Amino acid sequence: MKIKVLGPGCARCHQTEQLVRETVAEAGVEAEIEKVTEVMKIAQYGVFGTPAVVIDEEVKSVGRIPKKEEILKWIKK
């Protein structure tokens, strides 16, 4: 599983990345987590509000910090 946290580096983006990393670790799920900060790469996902979370190239959340329960649903298969 590939998870991308999209955001230029704002506090909310860092908070989202930390939350995603914690949730993945607690769930014991194997995932590659990448922080994408380049505006052009973020725009390629059609995302114009950050932070955003992309899992296996599917945009799951835009413009807000997702709740831990949401992240768990996304990563559990």
C-alpha atoms as a PDB file:
ATOM      1  CA  MET A   1       0.000   0.000   0.000  1.00  0.00           C
ATOM      2  CA  LYS A   2       1.254   3.466  -0.904  1.00  0.00           C
ATOM      3  CA  ILE A   3       0.034   6.426   1.099  1.00  0.00           C
ATOM      4  CA  LYS A   4       0.808  10.001   0.125  1.00  0.00           C
ATOM      5  CA  VAL A   5       0.216  13.024   2.312  1.00  0.00           C
ATOM      6  CA  LEU A   6      -0.052  16.084   0.082  1.00  0.00           C
ATOM      7  CA  GLY A   7       0.787  19.507   1.435  1.00  0.00           C
ATOM      8  CA  PRO A   8       3.354  22.286   1.207  1.00  0.00           C
ATOM      9  CA  GLY A   9       4.532  21.891   4.789  1.00  0.00           C
ATOM     10  CA  CYS A  10       1.981  23.755   6.878  1.00  0.00           C
ATOM     11  CA  ALA A  11       1.222  22.739  10.468  1.00  0.00           C
ATOM     12  CA  ARG A  12      -1.973  20.933   9.425  1.00  0.00           C
ATOM     13  CA  CYS A  13      -0.024  18.988   6.779  1.00  0.00           C
ATOM     14  CA  HIS A  14       2.554  17.877   9.361  1.00  0.00           C
ATOM     15  CA  GLN A  15      -0.233  16.924  11.768  1.00  0.00           C
ATOM     16  CA  THR A  16      -1.942  14.841   9.062  1.00  0.00           C
ATOM     17  CA  GLU A  17       1.304  13.057   8.178  1.00  0.00           C
ATOM     18  CA  GLN A  18       1.964  12.254  11.847  1.00  0.00           C
ATOM     19  CA  LEU A  19      -1.587  10.962  12.312  1.00  0.00           C
ATOM     20  CA  VAL A  20      -1.311   8.734   9.228  1.00  0.00           C
ATOM     21  CA  ARG A  21       2.037   7.331  10.420  1.00  0.00           C
ATOM     22  CA  GLU A  22       0.678   6.642  13.932  1.00  0.00           C
ATOM     23  CA  THR A  23      -2.462   4.958  12.610  1.00  0.00           C
ATOM     24  CA  VAL A  24      -0.538   2.733  10.187  1.00  0.00           C
ATOM     25  CA  ALA A  25       1.886   1.714  12.961  1.00  0.00           C
ATOM     26  CA  GLU A  26      -0.917   0.977  15.440  1.00  0.00           C
ATOM     27  CA  ALA A  27      -2.839  -1.058  12.861  1.00  0.00           C
ATOM     28  CA  GLY A  28       0.278  -3.069  11.989  1.00  0.00           C
ATOM     29  CA  VAL A  29      -0.322  -2.448   8.285  1.00  0.00           C
ATOM     30  CA  GLU A  30       2.519  -2.583   5.772  1.00  0.00           C
ATOM     31  CA  ALA A  31       2.552   0.762   3.952  1.00  0.00           C
ATOM     32  CA  GLU A  32       4.946   3.121   2.233  1.00  0.00           C
ATOM     33  CA  ILE A  33       4.217   6.680   3.359  1.00  0.00           C
ATOM     34  CA  GLU A  34       5.405   9.599   1.266  1.00  0.00           C
ATOM     35  CA  LYS A  35       5.116  13.345   1.898  1.00  0.00           C
ATOM     36  CA  VAL A  36       4.472  15.287  -1.326  1.00  0.00           C
ATOM     37  CA  THR A  37       5.243  19.009  -1.055  1.00  0.00           C
ATOM     38  CA  GLU A  38       5.639  20.091  -4.698  1.00  0.00           C
ATOM     39  CA  VAL A  39       2.647  22.176  -5.760  1.00  0.00           C
ATOM     40  CA  MET A  40       2.627  20.809  -9.330  1.00  0.00           C
ATOM     41  CA  LYS A  41       2.579  17.190  -8.113  1.00  0.00           C
ATOM     42  CA  ILE A  42      -0.228  18.018  -5.676  1.00  0.00           C
ATOM     43  CA  ALA A  43      -2.216  19.664  -8.486  1.00  0.00           C
ATOM     44  CA  GLN A  44      -1.882  16.502 -10.621  1.00  0.00           C
ATOM     45  CA  TYR A  45      -4.249  14.805  -8.177  1.00  0.00           C
ATOM     46  CA  GLY A  46      -6.834  17.547  -8.727  1.00  0.00           C
ATOM     47  CA  VAL A  47      -6.223  18.675  -5.162  1.00  0.00           C
ATOM     48  CA  PHE A  48      -6.366  22.407  -4.533  1.00  0.00           C
ATOM     49  CA  GLY A  49      -6.797  22.322  -0.757  1.00  0.00           C
ATOM     50  CA  THR A  50      -4.335  20.772   1.647  1.00  0.00           C
ATOM     51  CA  PRO A  51      -3.696  18.641   3.537  1.00  0.00           C
ATOM     52  CA  ALA A  52      -4.822  15.746   1.379  1.00  0.00           C
ATOM     53  CA  VAL A  53      -4.420  11.991   1.756  1.00  0.00           C
ATOM     54  CA  VAL A  54      -3.999   9.671  -1.248  1.00  0.00           C
ATOM     55  CA  ILE A  55      -4.020   5.880  -0.832  1.00  0.00           C
ATOM     56  CA  ASP A  56      -2.971   3.721  -3.778  1.00  0.00           C
ATOM     57  CA  GLU A  57      -3.488   6.735  -6.080  1.00  0.00           C
ATOM     58  CA  GLU A  58      -7.064   7.340  -4.841  1.00  0.00           C
ATOM     59  CA  VAL A  59      -7.742  10.684  -3.143  1.00  0.00           C
ATOM     60  CA  LYS A  60      -9.391   9.993   0.223  1.00  0.00           C
ATOM     61  CA  SER A  61      -9.379  13.368   1.975  1.00  0.00           C
ATOM     62  CA  VAL A  62      -8.889  16.991   0.899  1.00  0.00           C
ATOM     63  CA  GLY A  63      -8.562  20.231   2.836  1.00  0.00           C
ATOM     64  CA  ARG A  64      -8.908  18.789   6.335  1.00  0.00           C
ATOM     65  CA  ILE A  65      -7.231  16.591   8.905  1.00  0.00           C
ATOM     66  CA  PRO A  66      -8.936  13.175   8.751  1.00  0.00           C
ATOM     67  CA  LYS A  67      -9.982  11.382  11.919  1.00  0.00           C
ATOM     68  CA  LYS A  68      -8.014   8.318  13.000  1.00  0.00           C
ATOM     69  CA  GLU A  69     -11.143   6.149  12.531  1.00  0.00           C
ATOM     70  CA  GLU A  70     -11.371   7.261   8.888  1.00  0.00           C
ATOM     71  CA  ILE A  71      -7.730   6.427   8.228  1.00  0.00           C
ATOM     72  CA  LEU A  72      -8.240   2.986   9.772  1.00  0.00           C
ATOM     73  CA  LYS A  73     -11.149   2.290   7.400  1.00  0.00           C
ATOM     74  CA  TRP A  74      -9.039   3.338   4.427  1.00  0.00           C
ATOM     75  CA  ILE A  75      -6.040   1.159   5.308  1.00  0.00           C
ATOM     76  CA  LYS A  76      -7.866  -1.971   6.482  1.00  0.00           C
ATOM     77  CA  LYS A  77      -8.640  -4.272   3.595  1.00  0.00           C
END
